[in-house]
Amino acid sequence: MKRKTLSFINRCLAETLALLGFQACGERGGMVCLYGTPSADLEVKGKVTNTKQEALKDMEVVVNPISGYWKDTLYTDENGEYHWTAKGIFPTDSATVTVNDTTGLYSSDSAKVAYQYDRTKADDWYEGVGIAEADFELKKKE
């Protein structure tokens, strides 16, 4: 008797959960309800030079992909180039990039850059790869 009662309760619970799950994820007015957070892979790259177009090595580059949340710091290589990537973060339209001179010879510079999204691999929650480029020409301090 106890076994039949437990079996009946389990069956009722399973049917109730299936029914609730179906109702929670069904279409309402053409909009599909999904659970989760949108994500994207973001990339910012560029080059830092002086006014003579000479590459500047070891310049501090600060990338702020989502305004006000967090920043990431990297340094230019021997060619004056930098390349920042982040995978699976919340998609955004733009990033702020700031270049600071580590030698004290040049003035800092910053720019707001817009992401261009490659959506070839995008799906319901994945927005694709957002790529932004920002080249900087630093001027000597006076």
C-alpha atoms as a PDB file:
ATOM      1  CA  MET A   1       0.000   0.000   0.000  1.00  0.00           C
ATOM      2  CA  LYS A   2       2.795   2.390   0.948  1.00  0.00           C
ATOM      3  CA  ARG A   3       4.593   1.656  -2.326  1.00  0.00           C
ATOM      4  CA  LYS A   4       1.488   2.406  -4.426  1.00  0.00           C
ATOM      5  CA  THR A   5       0.917   5.676  -2.583  1.00  0.00           C
ATOM      6  CA  LEU A   6       4.527   6.815  -3.132  1.00  0.00           C
ATOM      7  CA  SER A   7       4.355   5.808  -6.786  1.00  0.00           C
ATOM      8  CA  PHE A   8       1.126   7.780  -7.240  1.00  0.00           C
ATOM      9  CA  ILE A   9       2.589  10.879  -5.522  1.00  0.00           C
ATOM     10  CA  ASN A  10       5.769  10.689  -7.616  1.00  0.00           C
ATOM     11  CA  ARG A  11       3.755  10.398 -10.826  1.00  0.00           C
ATOM     12  CA  CYS A  12       1.596  13.393  -9.850  1.00  0.00           C
ATOM     13  CA  LEU A  13       4.662  15.480  -8.987  1.00  0.00           C
ATOM     14  CA  ALA A  14       6.395  14.550 -12.246  1.00  0.00           C
ATOM     15  CA  GLU A  15       3.325  15.485 -14.286  1.00  0.00           C
ATOM     16  CA  THR A  16       2.892  18.744 -12.374  1.00  0.00           C
ATOM     17  CA  LEU A  17       6.535  19.730 -12.894  1.00  0.00           C
ATOM     18  CA  ALA A  18       6.368  18.854 -16.573  1.00  0.00           C
ATOM     19  CA  LEU A  19       3.215  20.917 -16.944  1.00  0.00           C
ATOM     20  CA  LEU A  20       4.730  23.905 -15.112  1.00  0.00           C
ATOM     21  CA  GLY A  21       7.943  23.669 -17.101  1.00  0.00           C
ATOM     22  CA  PHE A  22       5.989  23.558 -20.327  1.00  0.00           C
ATOM     23  CA  GLN A  23       3.979  26.613 -19.329  1.00  0.00           C
ATOM     24  CA  ALA A  24       7.059  28.576 -18.221  1.00  0.00           C
ATOM     25  CA  CYS A  25       8.916  28.004 -21.487  1.00  0.00           C
ATOM     26  CA  GLY A  26       6.054  28.145 -23.947  1.00  0.00           C
ATOM     27  CA  GLU A  27       5.645  30.900 -26.511  1.00  0.00           C
ATOM     28  CA  ARG A  28       3.681  33.947 -25.493  1.00  0.00           C
ATOM     29  CA  GLY A  29       2.941  36.402 -28.225  1.00  0.00           C
ATOM     30  CA  GLY A  30       5.761  35.065 -30.397  1.00  0.00           C
ATOM     31  CA  MET A  31       8.438  35.677 -27.759  1.00  0.00           C
ATOM     32  CA  VAL A  32      10.477  32.678 -26.643  1.00  0.00           C
ATOM     33  CA  CYS A  33      11.278  32.654 -22.922  1.00  0.00           C
ATOM     34  CA  LEU A  34      14.848  31.558 -22.241  1.00  0.00           C
ATOM     35  CA  TYR A  35      16.779  31.338 -19.017  1.00  0.00           C
ATOM     36  CA  GLY A  36      20.374  32.555 -18.826  1.00  0.00           C
ATOM     37  CA  THR A  37      22.521  35.535 -19.655  1.00  0.00           C
ATOM     38  CA  PRO A  38      23.557  36.778 -23.096  1.00  0.00           C
ATOM     39  CA  SER A  39      27.272  36.443 -23.742  1.00  0.00           C
ATOM     40  CA  ALA A  40      29.859  37.399 -26.326  1.00  0.00           C
ATOM     41  CA  ASP A  41      33.570  37.134 -26.960  1.00  0.00           C
ATOM     42  CA  LEU A  42      35.145  40.585 -27.117  1.00  0.00           C
ATOM     43  CA  GLU A  43      38.406  41.692 -28.696  1.00  0.00           C
ATOM     44  CA  VAL A  44      40.184  45.060 -28.765  1.00  0.00           C
ATOM     45  CA  LYS A  45      43.408  45.545 -30.680  1.00  0.00           C
ATOM     46  CA  GLY A  46      45.529  48.332 -32.036  1.00  0.00           C
ATOM     47  CA  LYS A  47      48.900  50.019 -32.235  1.00  0.00           C
ATOM     48  CA  VAL A  48      50.573  52.808 -30.274  1.00  0.00           C
ATOM     49  CA  THR A  49      53.057  55.082 -32.054  1.00  0.00           C
ATOM     50  CA  ASN A  50      54.589  58.509 -31.606  1.00  0.00           C
ATOM     51  CA  THR A  51      54.144  61.443 -34.014  1.00  0.00           C
ATOM     52  CA  LYS A  52      57.022  60.059 -36.146  1.00  0.00           C
ATOM     53  CA  GLN A  53      55.081  56.780 -36.543  1.00  0.00           C
ATOM     54  CA  GLU A  54      57.659  54.914 -34.442  1.00  0.00           C
ATOM     55  CA  ALA A  55      56.240  52.012 -32.429  1.00  0.00           C
ATOM     56  CA  LEU A  56      56.153  52.583 -28.673  1.00  0.00           C
ATOM     57  CA  LYS A  57      57.006  49.518 -26.584  1.00  0.00           C
ATOM     58  CA  ASP A  58      55.730  48.852 -23.031  1.00  0.00           C
ATOM     59  CA  MET A  59      52.987  51.488 -23.062  1.00  0.00           C
ATOM     60  CA  GLU A  60      50.204  50.762 -20.566  1.00  0.00           C
ATOM     61  CA  VAL A  61      46.861  50.077 -22.267  1.00  0.00           C
ATOM     62  CA  VAL A  62      43.747  50.029 -20.061  1.00  0.00           C
ATOM     63  CA  VAL A  63      40.635  48.470 -21.605  1.00  0.00           C
ATOM     64  CA  ASN A  64      37.268  49.186 -19.972  1.00  0.00           C
ATOM     65  CA  PRO A  65      34.883  46.850 -21.852  1.00  0.00           C
ATOM     66  CA  ILE A  66      31.785  47.570 -19.762  1.00  0.00           C
ATOM     67  CA  SER A  67      31.670  51.116 -18.459  1.00  0.00           C
ATOM     68  CA  GLY A  68      31.963  51.353 -14.705  1.00  0.00           C
ATOM     69  CA  TYR A  69      32.321  47.635 -13.991  1.00  0.00           C
ATOM     70  CA  TRP A  70      35.952  46.595 -14.413  1.00  0.00           C
ATOM     71  CA  LYS A  71      39.122  47.400 -16.294  1.00  0.00           C
ATOM     72  CA  ASP A  72      41.935  45.271 -17.664  1.00  0.00           C
ATOM     73  CA  THR A  73      45.521  46.433 -18.124  1.00  0.00           C
ATOM     74  CA  LEU A  74      48.032  45.211 -20.688  1.00  0.00           C
ATOM     75  CA  TYR A  75      51.208  46.531 -22.326  1.00  0.00           C
ATOM     76  CA  THR A  76      52.278  47.060 -25.929  1.00  0.00           C
ATOM     77  CA  ASP A  77      54.807  44.690 -27.479  1.00  0.00           C
ATOM     78  CA  GLU A  78      58.013  45.618 -29.333  1.00  0.00           C
ATOM     79  CA  ASN A  79      55.932  46.570 -32.404  1.00  0.00           C
ATOM     80  CA  GLY A  80      53.736  48.896 -30.343  1.00  0.00           C
ATOM     81  CA  GLU A  81      50.767  46.537 -30.729  1.00  0.00           C
ATOM     82  CA  TYR A  82      48.294  45.331 -28.125  1.00  0.00           C
ATOM     83  CA  HIS A  83      45.572  42.701 -28.247  1.00  0.00           C
ATOM     84  CA  TRP A  84      42.959  42.191 -25.511  1.00  0.00           C
ATOM     85  CA  THR A  85      40.385  39.386 -25.480  1.00  0.00           C
ATOM     86  CA  ALA A  86      37.627  38.256 -23.134  1.00  0.00           C
ATOM     87  CA  LYS A  87      35.409  35.222 -23.614  1.00  0.00           C
ATOM     88  CA  GLY A  88      31.860  34.749 -22.421  1.00  0.00           C
ATOM     89  CA  ILE A  89      31.193  38.208 -21.022  1.00  0.00           C
ATOM     90  CA  PHE A  90      28.066  40.326 -21.306  1.00  0.00           C
ATOM     91  CA  PRO A  91      27.806  41.879 -24.799  1.00  0.00           C
ATOM     92  CA  THR A  92      28.159  45.633 -25.086  1.00  0.00           C
ATOM     93  CA  ASP A  93      28.294  48.221 -27.864  1.00  0.00           C
ATOM     94  CA  SER A  94      31.582  49.926 -27.038  1.00  0.00           C
ATOM     95  CA  ALA A  95      34.687  50.002 -24.867  1.00  0.00           C
ATOM     96  CA  THR A  96      36.935  52.758 -23.568  1.00  0.00           C
ATOM     97  CA  VAL A  97      40.654  52.341 -24.249  1.00  0.00           C
ATOM     98  CA  THR A  98      43.227  54.489 -22.442  1.00  0.00           C
ATOM     99  CA  VAL A  99      46.958  54.551 -23.217  1.00  0.00           C
ATOM    100  CA  ASN A 100      49.372  55.735 -20.521  1.00  0.00           C
ATOM    101  CA  ASP A 101      53.068  56.342 -21.097  1.00  0.00           C
ATOM    102  CA  THR A 102      55.308  54.356 -18.740  1.00  0.00           C
ATOM    103  CA  THR A 103      58.399  56.476 -19.532  1.00  0.00           C
ATOM    104  CA  GLY A 104      56.932  59.899 -18.769  1.00  0.00           C
ATOM    105  CA  LEU A 105      57.824  61.285 -22.223  1.00  0.00           C
ATOM    106  CA  TYR A 106      54.369  61.209 -23.823  1.00  0.00           C
ATOM    107  CA  SER A 107      50.888  62.444 -22.934  1.00  0.00           C
ATOM    108  CA  SER A 108      48.142  59.917 -22.221  1.00  0.00           C
ATOM    109  CA  ASP A 109      45.335  59.409 -24.713  1.00  0.00           C
ATOM    110  CA  SER A 110      41.990  57.618 -24.704  1.00  0.00           C
ATOM    111  CA  ALA A 111      39.202  56.734 -27.096  1.00  0.00           C
ATOM    112  CA  LYS A 112      35.781  55.138 -27.033  1.00  0.00           C
ATOM    113  CA  VAL A 113      35.604  52.412 -29.674  1.00  0.00           C
ATOM    114  CA  ALA A 114      32.570  50.581 -31.052  1.00  0.00           C
ATOM    115  CA  TYR A 115      32.452  46.809 -31.423  1.00  0.00           C
ATOM    116  CA  GLN A 116      31.657  45.341 -34.823  1.00  0.00           C
ATOM    117  CA  TYR A 117      30.050  41.946 -34.215  1.00  0.00           C
ATOM    118  CA  ASP A 118      30.766  38.859 -36.291  1.00  0.00           C
ATOM    119  CA  ARG A 119      27.532  36.927 -35.799  1.00  0.00           C
ATOM    120  CA  THR A 120      28.340  33.889 -37.965  1.00  0.00           C
ATOM    121  CA  LYS A 121      28.385  31.623 -34.888  1.00  0.00           C
ATOM    122  CA  ALA A 122      25.733  33.510 -32.894  1.00  0.00           C
ATOM    123  CA  ASP A 123      22.722  31.721 -31.435  1.00  0.00           C
ATOM    124  CA  ASP A 124      19.951  32.502 -28.945  1.00  0.00           C
ATOM    125  CA  TRP A 125      22.211  33.644 -26.077  1.00  0.00           C
ATOM    126  CA  TYR A 126      25.610  33.954 -27.766  1.00  0.00           C
ATOM    127  CA  GLU A 127      25.987  37.268 -29.622  1.00  0.00           C
ATOM    128  CA  GLY A 128      29.170  36.305 -31.487  1.00  0.00           C
ATOM    129  CA  VAL A 129      32.577  37.997 -31.496  1.00  0.00           C
ATOM    130  CA  GLY A 130      32.771  41.769 -31.007  1.00  0.00           C
ATOM    131  CA  ILE A 131      35.930  43.296 -32.503  1.00  0.00           C
ATOM    132  CA  ALA A 132      37.126  46.872 -31.999  1.00  0.00           C
ATOM    133  CA  GLU A 133      40.318  48.560 -33.183  1.00  0.00           C
ATOM    134  CA  ALA A 134      41.980  51.646 -31.748  1.00  0.00           C
ATOM    135  CA  ASP A 135      45.320  53.043 -32.898  1.00  0.00           C
ATOM    136  CA  PHE A 136      46.955  55.812 -30.888  1.00  0.00           C
ATOM    137  CA  GLU A 137      49.519  58.450 -31.813  1.00  0.00           C
ATOM    138  CA  LEU A 138      51.008  59.849 -28.618  1.00  0.00           C
ATOM    139  CA  LYS A 139      52.407  63.369 -28.510  1.00  0.00           C
ATOM    140  CA  LYS A 140      55.477  64.342 -26.479  1.00  0.00           C
ATOM    141  CA  LYS A 141      54.822  66.240 -23.269  1.00  0.00           C
ATOM    142  CA  GLU A 142      55.733  69.901 -23.441  1.00  0.00           C
END
